[in-house]
Amino acid sequence: MIFGWFGAKAKVMPPEEQLISKALPTGKLPLDELLSRAEKAVPQGTLMQV
């Protein structure tokens, strides 16, 4: 998690099963699709780094 980079600890940790990456049956998604999904999921968010 990003909090570890700054020496802080997250107050809420998601369940471990949510932290494990799983391959999609359709394969990899294009970057523009991933960014679009992220913007829809967190409309007030700011893209900091890819």
N, C-alpha and C. Protein backbone atom coordinates (compact mmCIF):
# COMPACT_ATOMS: atom_id res chain seq x y z
N MET A 1 0.83 -1.18 0.00
CA MET A 1 0.00 0.00 0.00
C MET A 1 0.88 1.25 0.00
N ILE A 2 0.37 2.29 -0.49
CA ILE A 2 1.11 3.54 -0.60
C ILE A 2 1.46 4.12 0.77
N PHE A 3 0.65 3.82 1.79
CA PHE A 3 0.92 4.37 3.11
C PHE A 3 2.30 3.94 3.61
N GLY A 4 2.70 2.72 3.26
CA GLY A 4 4.00 2.22 3.69
C GLY A 4 5.15 3.03 3.14
N TRP A 5 4.96 3.66 1.99
CA TRP A 5 6.01 4.48 1.39
C TRP A 5 6.31 5.69 2.25
N PHE A 6 5.34 6.15 3.01
CA PHE A 6 5.49 7.35 3.81
C PHE A 6 5.64 7.04 5.30
N GLY A 7 5.73 5.78 5.64
CA GLY A 7 5.91 5.39 7.02
C GLY A 7 4.62 5.38 7.82
N ALA A 8 3.47 5.53 7.16
CA ALA A 8 2.19 5.50 7.86
C ALA A 8 1.54 4.12 7.67
N LYS A 9 0.59 3.82 8.50
CA LYS A 9 -0.13 2.56 8.36
C LYS A 9 -1.59 2.85 8.03
N ALA A 10 -2.15 2.04 7.17
CA ALA A 10 -3.56 2.20 6.81
C ALA A 10 -4.42 1.83 8.01
N LYS A 11 -5.49 2.57 8.21
CA LYS A 11 -6.40 2.28 9.32
C LYS A 11 -7.33 1.14 8.98
N VAL A 12 -7.61 0.98 7.70
CA VAL A 12 -8.50 -0.10 7.27
C VAL A 12 -7.80 -0.88 6.17
N MET A 13 -7.66 -2.15 6.37
CA MET A 13 -7.05 -3.00 5.34
C MET A 13 -8.14 -3.84 4.69
N PRO A 14 -8.15 -3.90 3.36
CA PRO A 14 -9.12 -4.76 2.68
C PRO A 14 -8.77 -6.22 2.95
N PRO A 15 -9.77 -7.11 2.83
CA PRO A 15 -9.48 -8.53 3.01
C PRO A 15 -8.40 -8.99 2.04
N GLU A 16 -7.60 -9.95 2.45
CA GLU A 16 -6.47 -10.40 1.64
C GLU A 16 -6.90 -10.87 0.25
N GLU A 17 -8.08 -11.50 0.14
CA GLU A 17 -8.53 -11.99 -1.16
C GLU A 17 -8.76 -10.85 -2.16
N GLN A 18 -8.97 -9.63 -1.68
CA GLN A 18 -9.14 -8.49 -2.57
C GLN A 18 -7.80 -7.92 -3.02
N LEU A 19 -6.72 -8.30 -2.36
CA LEU A 19 -5.40 -7.79 -2.70
C LEU A 19 -4.67 -8.67 -3.71
N ILE A 20 -5.23 -9.83 -4.01
CA ILE A 20 -4.58 -10.77 -4.92
C ILE A 20 -5.04 -10.50 -6.34
N SER A 21 -4.10 -10.29 -7.25
CA SER A 21 -4.43 -10.06 -8.66
C SER A 21 -4.79 -11.39 -9.31
N LYS A 22 -5.81 -11.33 -10.15
CA LYS A 22 -6.23 -12.51 -10.89
C LYS A 22 -6.33 -12.14 -12.36
N ALA A 23 -5.85 -13.02 -13.22
CA ALA A 23 -5.91 -12.76 -14.66
C ALA A 23 -7.36 -12.74 -15.12
N LEU A 24 -7.66 -11.81 -16.03
CA LEU A 24 -9.00 -11.74 -16.62
C LEU A 24 -9.12 -12.81 -17.69
N PRO A 25 -10.30 -13.42 -17.83
CA PRO A 25 -10.47 -14.43 -18.88
C PRO A 25 -10.29 -13.85 -20.28
N THR A 26 -10.51 -12.54 -20.43
CA THR A 26 -10.37 -11.89 -21.73
C THR A 26 -8.95 -11.41 -22.00
N GLY A 27 -8.06 -11.57 -21.04
CA GLY A 27 -6.68 -11.12 -21.22
C GLY A 27 -6.49 -9.71 -20.69
N LYS A 28 -5.42 -9.07 -21.11
CA LYS A 28 -5.09 -7.73 -20.64
C LYS A 28 -6.00 -6.69 -21.27
N LEU A 29 -6.26 -5.62 -20.53
CA LEU A 29 -7.07 -4.52 -21.03
C LEU A 29 -6.16 -3.38 -21.46
N PRO A 30 -6.57 -2.62 -22.48
CA PRO A 30 -5.77 -1.46 -22.90
C PRO A 30 -5.74 -0.39 -21.81
N LEU A 31 -4.67 0.37 -21.77
CA LEU A 31 -4.50 1.40 -20.74
C LEU A 31 -5.65 2.40 -20.75
N ASP A 32 -6.12 2.82 -21.93
CA ASP A 32 -7.21 3.81 -21.96
C ASP A 32 -8.48 3.25 -21.33
N GLU A 33 -8.72 1.96 -21.47
CA GLU A 33 -9.89 1.34 -20.83
C GLU A 33 -9.72 1.32 -19.32
N LEU A 34 -8.53 0.98 -18.86
CA LEU A 34 -8.27 0.96 -17.41
C LEU A 34 -8.42 2.35 -16.80
N LEU A 35 -7.90 3.37 -17.49
CA LEU A 35 -8.03 4.75 -16.98
C LEU A 35 -9.48 5.19 -16.97
N SER A 36 -10.24 4.83 -17.98
CA SER A 36 -11.66 5.17 -18.03
C SER A 36 -12.41 4.54 -16.86
N ARG A 37 -12.12 3.30 -16.59
CA ARG A 37 -12.77 2.61 -15.45
C ARG A 37 -12.40 3.26 -14.13
N ALA A 38 -11.14 3.63 -13.99
CA ALA A 38 -10.69 4.28 -12.75
C ALA A 38 -11.39 5.62 -12.56
N GLU A 39 -11.51 6.41 -13.63
CA GLU A 39 -12.18 7.71 -13.53
C GLU A 39 -13.65 7.56 -13.16
N LYS A 40 -14.31 6.53 -13.67
CA LYS A 40 -15.71 6.28 -13.32
C LYS A 40 -15.84 5.82 -11.87
N ALA A 41 -14.89 5.01 -11.41
CA ALA A 41 -14.94 4.48 -10.04
C ALA A 41 -14.65 5.56 -9.00
N VAL A 42 -13.75 6.50 -9.35
CA VAL A 42 -13.35 7.56 -8.41
C VAL A 42 -13.36 8.89 -9.17
N PRO A 43 -14.55 9.44 -9.41
CA PRO A 43 -14.65 10.65 -10.24
C PRO A 43 -13.92 11.86 -9.67
N GLN A 44 -13.75 11.93 -8.38
CA GLN A 44 -13.04 13.07 -7.77
C GLN A 44 -11.56 12.81 -7.61
N GLY A 45 -11.09 11.65 -8.08
CA GLY A 45 -9.68 11.28 -7.93
C GLY A 45 -8.81 12.02 -8.92
N THR A 46 -7.52 11.99 -8.66
CA THR A 46 -6.53 12.62 -9.52
C THR A 46 -5.49 11.57 -9.90
N LEU A 47 -5.28 11.39 -11.19
CA LEU A 47 -4.27 10.45 -11.65
C LEU A 47 -2.90 11.02 -11.32
N MET A 48 -2.11 10.26 -10.58
CA MET A 48 -0.81 10.74 -10.15
C MET A 48 0.32 10.08 -10.92
N GLN A 49 0.17 8.81 -11.27
CA GLN A 49 1.27 8.11 -11.92
C GLN A 49 0.74 6.84 -12.56
N VAL A 50 1.31 6.49 -13.70
CA VAL A 50 0.97 5.23 -14.37
C VAL A 50 2.25 4.45 -14.55
